[in-house]
Amino acid sequence: MYVPDDPPDACPACGDGYESVSRHAGGFVVNLLDNDRYSRVCFQPVESDEGDAALDCYHHVHAEATKTDEEPTDTHEEPVETHGEPTAERDDP
């Protein structure tokens, strides 16, 4: 596991403190369902030392992840009932 030499003081994805950071350029799995140590992992896209796409993973312990001064930034919107009428045209196929 690669650890950046100059990690930031705060997580660039959420602004909270974090316990550790790791960089991954290949596939990986994150399971927080049964994790007693970490309650959240934030992902920040970066470029590896070789110039390839990679992700820096910021590991938040429970105390760090529950600290918040703002409302959650969930952008998921519930579907609106349109009774079969189109709501907007889409460009994707």
N, C-alpha and C. Protein backbone atom coordinates (compact mmCIF):
# COMPACT_ATOMS: atom_id res chain seq x y z
N MET A 1 0.85 -1.17 0.00
CA MET A 1 0.00 0.00 0.00
C MET A 1 0.90 1.24 0.00
N TYR A 2 0.62 2.15 -0.90
CA TYR A 2 1.39 3.38 -1.02
C TYR A 2 0.77 4.46 -0.13
N VAL A 3 1.59 5.14 0.63
CA VAL A 3 1.13 6.25 1.47
C VAL A 3 1.81 7.52 0.95
N PRO A 4 1.05 8.56 0.59
CA PRO A 4 1.66 9.79 0.09
C PRO A 4 2.66 10.38 1.09
N ASP A 5 3.76 10.97 0.57
CA ASP A 5 4.79 11.57 1.42
C ASP A 5 4.33 12.86 2.08
N ASP A 6 3.43 13.59 1.44
CA ASP A 6 3.01 14.89 1.95
C ASP A 6 1.49 14.97 2.07
N PRO A 7 0.89 14.16 2.95
CA PRO A 7 -0.57 14.17 3.08
C PRO A 7 -1.06 15.50 3.66
N PRO A 8 -2.25 15.95 3.25
CA PRO A 8 -2.80 17.20 3.79
C PRO A 8 -3.25 17.05 5.23
N ASP A 9 -3.41 18.17 5.92
CA ASP A 9 -3.85 18.15 7.32
C ASP A 9 -5.31 17.71 7.46
N ALA A 10 -6.14 18.06 6.46
CA ALA A 10 -7.56 17.70 6.48
C ALA A 10 -7.90 16.97 5.20
N CYS A 11 -8.93 16.16 5.26
CA CYS A 11 -9.40 15.42 4.09
C CYS A 11 -9.86 16.41 3.01
N PRO A 12 -9.32 16.33 1.79
CA PRO A 12 -9.72 17.26 0.75
C PRO A 12 -11.14 17.04 0.25
N ALA A 13 -11.71 15.87 0.49
CA ALA A 13 -13.07 15.57 0.03
C ALA A 13 -14.13 16.14 0.97
N CYS A 14 -13.88 16.10 2.29
CA CYS A 14 -14.92 16.55 3.23
C CYS A 14 -14.45 17.62 4.21
N GLY A 15 -13.14 17.82 4.34
CA GLY A 15 -12.62 18.84 5.23
C GLY A 15 -12.41 18.38 6.66
N ASP A 16 -12.81 17.17 7.01
CA ASP A 16 -12.64 16.65 8.37
C ASP A 16 -11.23 16.10 8.56
N GLY A 17 -10.86 15.90 9.83
CA GLY A 17 -9.63 15.21 10.13
C GLY A 17 -9.75 13.75 9.72
N TYR A 18 -8.63 13.05 9.63
CA TYR A 18 -8.66 11.64 9.27
C TYR A 18 -7.51 10.94 9.98
N GLU A 19 -7.63 9.61 10.06
CA GLU A 19 -6.60 8.85 10.76
C GLU A 19 -5.44 8.48 9.84
N SER A 20 -5.74 8.09 8.61
CA SER A 20 -4.68 7.68 7.70
C SER A 20 -5.15 7.88 6.26
N VAL A 21 -4.19 7.82 5.34
CA VAL A 21 -4.49 7.95 3.91
C VAL A 21 -3.65 6.91 3.17
N SER A 22 -4.23 6.34 2.12
CA SER A 22 -3.52 5.40 1.27
C SER A 22 -3.86 5.71 -0.17
N ARG A 23 -2.94 5.40 -1.08
CA ARG A 23 -3.17 5.63 -2.51
C ARG A 23 -3.28 4.30 -3.22
N HIS A 24 -4.27 4.21 -4.11
CA HIS A 24 -4.53 2.97 -4.84
C HIS A 24 -4.70 3.28 -6.32
N ALA A 25 -3.90 2.60 -7.16
CA ALA A 25 -4.00 2.79 -8.60
C ALA A 25 -4.70 1.60 -9.27
N GLY A 26 -4.88 0.52 -8.53
CA GLY A 26 -5.57 -0.65 -9.06
C GLY A 26 -6.92 -0.81 -8.41
N GLY A 27 -7.59 -1.89 -8.70
CA GLY A 27 -8.90 -2.15 -8.12
C GLY A 27 -8.79 -2.47 -6.63
N PHE A 28 -9.83 -2.14 -5.89
CA PHE A 28 -9.87 -2.44 -4.47
C PHE A 28 -11.31 -2.44 -3.99
N VAL A 29 -11.53 -2.98 -2.80
CA VAL A 29 -12.86 -3.09 -2.22
C VAL A 29 -12.87 -2.36 -0.89
N VAL A 30 -13.95 -1.64 -0.62
CA VAL A 30 -14.11 -0.96 0.66
C VAL A 30 -15.38 -1.50 1.30
N ASN A 31 -15.26 -2.13 2.46
CA ASN A 31 -16.41 -2.64 3.19
C ASN A 31 -16.43 -1.99 4.56
N LEU A 32 -17.40 -1.12 4.78
CA LEU A 32 -17.51 -0.46 6.08
C LEU A 32 -18.68 -0.99 6.90
N LEU A 33 -19.38 -1.98 6.38
CA LEU A 33 -20.55 -2.50 7.08
C LEU A 33 -20.17 -3.15 8.40
N ASP A 34 -19.08 -3.89 8.42
CA ASP A 34 -18.67 -4.61 9.62
C ASP A 34 -17.33 -4.09 10.11
N ASN A 35 -17.09 -2.80 10.00
CA ASN A 35 -15.80 -2.23 10.34
C ASN A 35 -15.89 -1.51 11.68
N ASP A 36 -15.20 -2.02 12.68
CA ASP A 36 -15.23 -1.42 14.01
C ASP A 36 -14.34 -0.19 14.11
N ARG A 37 -13.41 -0.03 13.20
CA ARG A 37 -12.45 1.06 13.30
C ARG A 37 -12.85 2.30 12.49
N TYR A 38 -13.23 2.10 11.22
CA TYR A 38 -13.54 3.23 10.35
C TYR A 38 -15.03 3.28 10.03
N SER A 39 -15.58 4.48 10.04
CA SER A 39 -16.99 4.61 9.68
C SER A 39 -17.15 5.27 8.32
N ARG A 40 -16.07 5.90 7.82
CA ARG A 40 -16.18 6.53 6.50
C ARG A 40 -14.80 6.53 5.85
N VAL A 41 -14.81 6.36 4.52
CA VAL A 41 -13.61 6.52 3.72
C VAL A 41 -13.98 7.48 2.60
N CYS A 42 -13.23 8.58 2.47
CA CYS A 42 -13.44 9.53 1.38
C CYS A 42 -12.42 9.24 0.29
N PHE A 43 -12.81 9.49 -0.95
CA PHE A 43 -11.95 9.22 -2.09
C PHE A 43 -11.65 10.51 -2.82
N GLN A 44 -10.37 10.75 -3.11
CA GLN A 44 -9.94 11.94 -3.84
C GLN A 44 -9.15 11.47 -5.06
N PRO A 45 -9.61 11.80 -6.28
CA PRO A 45 -8.85 11.40 -7.47
C PRO A 45 -7.52 12.15 -7.54
N VAL A 46 -6.46 11.42 -7.87
CA VAL A 46 -5.11 11.99 -7.97
C VAL A 46 -4.39 11.31 -9.14
N GLU A 47 -3.19 11.75 -9.39
CA GLU A 47 -2.34 11.12 -10.39
C GLU A 47 -1.21 10.42 -9.65
N SER A 48 -0.92 9.19 -10.03
CA SER A 48 0.16 8.45 -9.38
C SER A 48 1.51 9.04 -9.82
N ASP A 49 2.59 8.61 -9.16
CA ASP A 49 3.93 9.08 -9.52
C ASP A 49 4.28 8.71 -10.96
N GLU A 50 3.65 7.66 -11.48
CA GLU A 50 3.89 7.23 -12.85
C GLU A 50 2.97 7.94 -13.85
N GLY A 51 2.08 8.81 -13.36
CA GLY A 51 1.17 9.55 -14.23
C GLY A 51 -0.16 8.86 -14.49
N ASP A 52 -0.41 7.74 -13.82
CA ASP A 52 -1.67 7.01 -13.98
C ASP A 52 -2.72 7.55 -13.01
N ALA A 53 -3.98 7.31 -13.35
CA ALA A 53 -5.07 7.69 -12.45
C ALA A 53 -5.01 6.84 -11.19
N ALA A 54 -5.30 7.47 -10.05
CA ALA A 54 -5.29 6.77 -8.77
C ALA A 54 -6.29 7.44 -7.84
N LEU A 55 -6.55 6.81 -6.71
CA LEU A 55 -7.42 7.37 -5.69
C LEU A 55 -6.68 7.41 -4.36
N ASP A 56 -6.72 8.57 -3.71
CA ASP A 56 -6.27 8.65 -2.33
C ASP A 56 -7.48 8.38 -1.45
N CYS A 57 -7.34 7.47 -0.51
CA CYS A 57 -8.43 7.07 0.37
C CYS A 57 -8.14 7.60 1.77
N TYR A 58 -9.03 8.44 2.26
CA TYR A 58 -8.88 9.06 3.57
C TYR A 58 -9.77 8.31 4.56
N HIS A 59 -9.15 7.67 5.56
CA HIS A 59 -9.84 6.78 6.49
C HIS A 59 -10.25 7.56 7.73
N HIS A 60 -11.55 7.66 7.96
CA HIS A 60 -12.09 8.39 9.10
C HIS A 60 -12.56 7.41 10.18
N VAL A 61 -12.06 7.60 11.40
CA VAL A 61 -12.56 6.80 12.52
C VAL A 61 -13.93 7.37 12.92
N HIS A 62 -14.65 6.66 13.75
CA HIS A 62 -16.01 7.05 14.11
C HIS A 62 -16.11 8.46 14.68
N ALA A 63 -15.19 8.85 15.56
CA ALA A 63 -15.27 10.18 16.16
C ALA A 63 -15.08 11.28 15.13
N GLU A 64 -14.22 11.06 14.14
CA GLU A 64 -14.00 12.05 13.09
C GLU A 64 -15.19 12.14 12.14
N ALA A 65 -15.78 11.02 11.84
CA ALA A 65 -16.86 10.98 10.86
C ALA A 65 -18.17 11.49 11.42
N THR A 66 -18.35 11.46 12.72
CA THR A 66 -19.61 11.92 13.30
C THR A 66 -19.58 13.41 13.61
N LYS A 67 -18.39 14.03 13.58
CA LYS A 67 -18.25 15.46 13.83
C LYS A 67 -18.65 16.22 12.56
N THR A 68 -19.66 17.06 12.67
CA THR A 68 -20.07 17.85 11.51
C THR A 68 -20.72 19.13 11.97
N ASP A 69 -20.45 20.20 11.25
CA ASP A 69 -21.06 21.49 11.54
C ASP A 69 -22.16 21.82 10.54
N GLU A 70 -22.33 20.98 9.52
CA GLU A 70 -23.27 21.25 8.45
C GLU A 70 -24.25 20.10 8.30
N GLU A 71 -25.29 20.37 7.55
CA GLU A 71 -26.22 19.32 7.17
C GLU A 71 -25.54 18.41 6.16
N PRO A 72 -25.94 17.15 6.05
CA PRO A 72 -25.36 16.27 5.04
C PRO A 72 -25.57 16.85 3.64
N THR A 73 -24.62 16.54 2.76
CA THR A 73 -24.70 17.06 1.40
C THR A 73 -25.20 16.00 0.44
N ASP A 74 -26.22 15.27 0.82
CA ASP A 74 -26.81 14.25 -0.03
C ASP A 74 -27.50 14.93 -1.19
N THR A 75 -27.04 14.63 -2.42
CA THR A 75 -27.64 15.27 -3.60
C THR A 75 -28.66 14.36 -4.27
N HIS A 76 -28.93 13.21 -3.67
CA HIS A 76 -29.92 12.31 -4.25
C HIS A 76 -31.31 12.92 -4.12
N GLU A 77 -32.01 13.01 -5.24
CA GLU A 77 -33.35 13.56 -5.22
C GLU A 77 -34.35 12.44 -5.45
N GLU A 78 -35.43 12.49 -4.73
CA GLU A 78 -36.48 11.51 -4.91
C GLU A 78 -37.20 11.76 -6.23
N PRO A 79 -37.61 10.71 -6.94
CA PRO A 79 -38.34 10.90 -8.19
C PRO A 79 -39.67 11.61 -7.96
N VAL A 80 -40.06 12.40 -8.91
CA VAL A 80 -41.32 13.13 -8.84
C VAL A 80 -42.35 12.41 -9.68
N GLU A 81 -43.53 12.17 -9.14
CA GLU A 81 -44.61 11.52 -9.87
C GLU A 81 -45.11 12.45 -10.96
N THR A 82 -45.08 11.98 -12.22
CA THR A 82 -45.48 12.82 -13.33
C THR A 82 -46.70 12.28 -14.06
N HIS A 83 -47.26 11.19 -13.58
CA HIS A 83 -48.44 10.56 -14.20
C HIS A 83 -48.21 10.26 -15.67
N GLY A 84 -46.99 9.75 -15.99
CA GLY A 84 -46.70 9.33 -17.34
C GLY A 84 -46.25 10.43 -18.28
N GLU A 85 -46.19 11.68 -17.85
CA GLU A 85 -45.73 12.75 -18.71
C GLU A 85 -44.23 12.91 -18.56
N PRO A 86 -43.52 13.20 -19.66
CA PRO A 86 -42.07 13.38 -19.55
C PRO A 86 -41.74 14.62 -18.74
N THR A 87 -40.65 14.54 -17.96
CA THR A 87 -40.25 15.68 -17.14
C THR A 87 -39.14 16.49 -17.79
N ALA A 88 -38.33 15.87 -18.63
CA ALA A 88 -37.26 16.59 -19.32
C ALA A 88 -36.74 15.69 -20.43
N GLU A 89 -36.21 16.33 -21.47
CA GLU A 89 -35.60 15.55 -22.55
C GLU A 89 -34.20 15.18 -22.11
N ARG A 90 -33.77 13.99 -22.57
CA ARG A 90 -32.44 13.52 -22.21
C ARG A 90 -31.63 13.35 -23.47
N ASP A 91 -30.34 13.64 -23.38
CA ASP A 91 -29.45 13.50 -24.53
C ASP A 91 -28.83 12.11 -24.60
N ASP A 92 -28.79 11.39 -23.47
CA ASP A 92 -28.13 10.09 -23.49
C ASP A 92 -29.01 9.05 -24.15
N PRO A 93 -28.39 8.04 -24.77
CA PRO A 93 -29.16 7.01 -25.51
C PRO A 93 -29.98 6.13 -24.62
